[in-house]
Protein backbone atom coordinates (compact mmCIF):
# COMPACT_ATOMS: atom_id res chain seq x y z
CA MET A 1 106.85 98.11 72.21
CA ASN A 2 105.20 94.77 72.83
CA LYS A 3 101.98 95.59 74.72
CA SER A 4 101.78 92.08 76.14
CA LEU A 5 104.84 92.74 78.28
CA LEU A 6 104.05 93.13 81.95
CA ARG A 7 104.55 96.67 83.12
CA THR A 8 106.93 97.47 85.95
CA ILE A 9 105.98 98.53 89.45
CA LEU A 10 108.31 101.40 90.35
CA LEU A 11 109.00 101.65 94.08
CA VAL A 12 110.51 104.97 95.18
CA GLU A 13 111.61 104.62 98.79
CA ASP A 14 114.72 105.86 100.62
CA SER A 15 114.27 103.60 103.67
CA MET A 16 115.93 100.27 102.84
CA ALA A 17 113.88 98.52 105.55
CA ASP A 18 110.58 99.80 104.10
CA ALA A 19 111.74 99.08 100.54
CA GLU A 20 112.67 95.48 101.40
CA MET A 21 109.34 94.94 103.16
CA ALA A 22 107.43 96.40 100.21
CA MET A 23 109.34 94.26 97.72
CA ASP A 24 108.73 91.15 99.84
CA ALA A 25 105.02 91.99 100.02
CA LEU A 26 104.81 92.47 96.25
CA GLN A 27 106.60 89.17 95.71
CA GLU A 28 104.23 87.47 98.16
CA ALA A 29 101.29 88.80 96.11
CA ASN A 30 102.54 86.52 93.29
CA LEU A 31 102.57 89.36 90.79
CA ALA A 32 104.47 88.60 87.61
CA ASN A 33 105.25 92.29 87.15
CA PRO A 34 108.88 93.24 87.62
CA VAL A 35 109.56 95.58 90.55
CA VAL A 36 112.21 98.28 90.29
CA HIS A 37 113.38 100.08 93.42
CA VAL A 38 115.00 103.51 93.37
CA GLU A 39 115.96 105.47 96.47
CA ASP A 40 114.92 109.04 95.73
CA GLY A 41 113.01 111.39 93.46
CA VAL A 42 115.96 112.20 91.21
CA ASP A 43 116.50 108.52 90.42
CA CYS A 44 112.74 108.10 89.95
CA LEU A 45 112.59 110.78 87.26
CA ASP A 46 115.80 109.47 85.67
CA TRP A 47 114.18 106.00 85.48
CA LEU A 48 110.87 107.34 84.14
CA LEU A 49 112.61 109.47 81.51
CA ALA A 50 115.25 106.78 80.71
CA ARG A 51 118.15 109.14 81.33
CA GLY A 52 121.31 109.16 83.44
CA ALA A 53 122.03 105.76 84.97
CA PHE A 54 118.82 104.43 83.34
CA ALA A 55 119.47 105.70 79.81
CA GLY A 56 119.67 102.16 78.42
CA ARG A 57 116.60 100.72 80.16
CA THR A 58 113.82 99.00 78.26
CA GLU A 59 111.14 101.40 77.04
CA GLY A 60 107.78 101.64 78.72
CA ASP A 61 106.04 103.38 81.58
CA PRO A 62 105.32 101.61 84.86
CA ALA A 63 101.94 100.17 85.82
CA VAL A 64 102.18 102.26 88.99
CA VAL A 65 104.68 104.36 90.93
CA LEU A 66 104.66 103.69 94.68
CA LEU A 67 106.11 106.95 95.95
CA ASP A 68 107.37 107.97 99.37
CA ILE A 69 107.11 111.68 100.26
CA ASN A 70 110.03 112.31 102.60
CA MET A 71 113.21 111.56 100.65
CA PRO A 72 116.58 113.26 100.13
CA ARG A 73 117.50 115.20 96.95
CA MET A 74 113.91 115.42 95.65
CA ASN A 75 110.81 114.59 97.66
CA GLY A 76 107.70 112.78 96.46
CA LEU A 77 105.61 115.93 96.00
CA GLU A 78 108.30 117.41 93.74
CA VAL A 79 108.36 114.15 91.74
CA LEU A 80 104.56 114.21 91.42
CA THR A 81 104.64 117.84 90.27
CA GLU A 82 107.23 117.00 87.61
CA MET A 83 105.37 113.88 86.47
CA ARG A 84 102.05 115.71 86.07
CA SER A 85 103.72 118.45 84.01
CA HIS A 86 105.08 115.86 81.56
CA GLU A 87 102.79 114.91 78.68
CA ARG A 88 103.90 111.26 78.65
CA LEU A 89 103.89 110.78 82.42
CA ARG A 90 100.66 112.62 83.19
CA ARG A 91 98.54 109.45 83.23
CA VAL A 92 100.98 107.13 85.01
CA PRO A 93 99.26 106.09 88.25
CA VAL A 94 101.00 107.35 91.37
CA VAL A 95 100.28 106.06 94.86
CA ILE A 96 101.84 107.97 97.73
CA LEU A 97 102.96 105.40 100.29
CA SER A 98 104.09 107.52 103.21
CA SER A 99 104.34 107.61 106.97
CA SER A 100 103.25 111.28 106.86
CA ARG A 101 99.85 111.94 108.37
CA GLU A 102 100.22 115.67 107.73
CA GLU A 103 97.00 117.10 106.32
CA SER A 104 99.09 119.48 104.18
CA ASP A 105 100.92 116.54 102.53
CA LEU A 106 97.62 114.77 101.92
CA ALA A 107 95.90 117.85 100.44
CA ARG A 108 98.93 118.82 98.33
CA SER A 109 99.22 115.25 96.95
CA TRP A 110 95.60 115.28 95.81
CA ASP A 111 95.96 118.80 94.39
CA LEU A 112 98.94 117.55 92.34
CA GLY A 113 96.99 114.62 90.90
CA VAL A 114 97.92 111.62 93.03
CA ASN A 115 95.80 108.53 92.36
CA ALA A 116 95.83 107.30 95.97
CA TYR A 117 97.40 108.25 99.29
CA VAL A 118 98.17 105.38 101.67
CA ILE A 119 99.63 105.91 105.12
CA LYS A 120 102.21 103.22 105.88
CA PRO A 121 100.88 101.06 108.68
CA VAL A 122 103.30 100.71 111.59
CA ASP A 123 102.36 97.05 112.03
CA VAL A 124 104.43 94.82 109.73
CA ASP A 125 101.53 92.49 108.83
CA GLN A 126 99.28 95.45 107.99
CA PHE A 127 102.08 96.99 105.92
CA PHE A 128 102.44 93.72 103.99
CA ASP A 129 98.68 93.52 103.40
CA ALA A 130 98.51 97.14 102.24
CA VAL A 131 101.37 96.80 99.74
CA ARG A 132 100.11 93.42 98.46
CA THR A 133 96.66 94.92 97.88
CA LEU A 134 98.12 97.98 96.14
CA GLY A 135 100.24 95.81 93.86
CA GLN A 136 97.34 93.56 92.92
CA PHE A 137 95.01 96.48 92.22
CA TRP A 138 97.35 98.70 90.22
CA ALA A 139 99.24 95.98 88.35
CA VAL A 140 96.39 93.57 87.67
CA LEU A 141 92.92 95.08 88.13
CA ASN A 142 93.35 98.71 87.12
CA GLN A 143 92.70 99.40 83.43
CA ALA A 144 94.84 102.18 82.01
CA PRO A 145 94.29 103.82 78.62
CA GLU A 146 96.49 102.65 75.75
CA VAL A 147 99.42 104.95 75.07
CA ASP A 148 99.92 106.02 71.48
């Protein structure tokens, strides 16, 4: 794999309105990283493991996974559990981007190895700022270890 390739930002969000806003915010941040949107945890793991509908995708792990908690089929905490049990996916940064203010969701996310937990602001401008900042930090500033 060519290490100079920009790594993908994987957005896992079942709300099309929130997904479109997040993608607009990432685009507005002028990040060169490609953004891939999937709608639930099953598709997220299929993308990460290059299986199912994503079997032919280009190799490589994302720079960051922006992960909603409350989704159909498989929720964000189940995805995080699965990712952290996988040797290859263990170090992939995961940011929970959720409207849940439940202390149990917050505590469980940290127990499972989340890298950050961000509560989605209700205000559209604040939401844009939050997602732009997340994209810039995780895709540009954060230094991840090289994968063998």
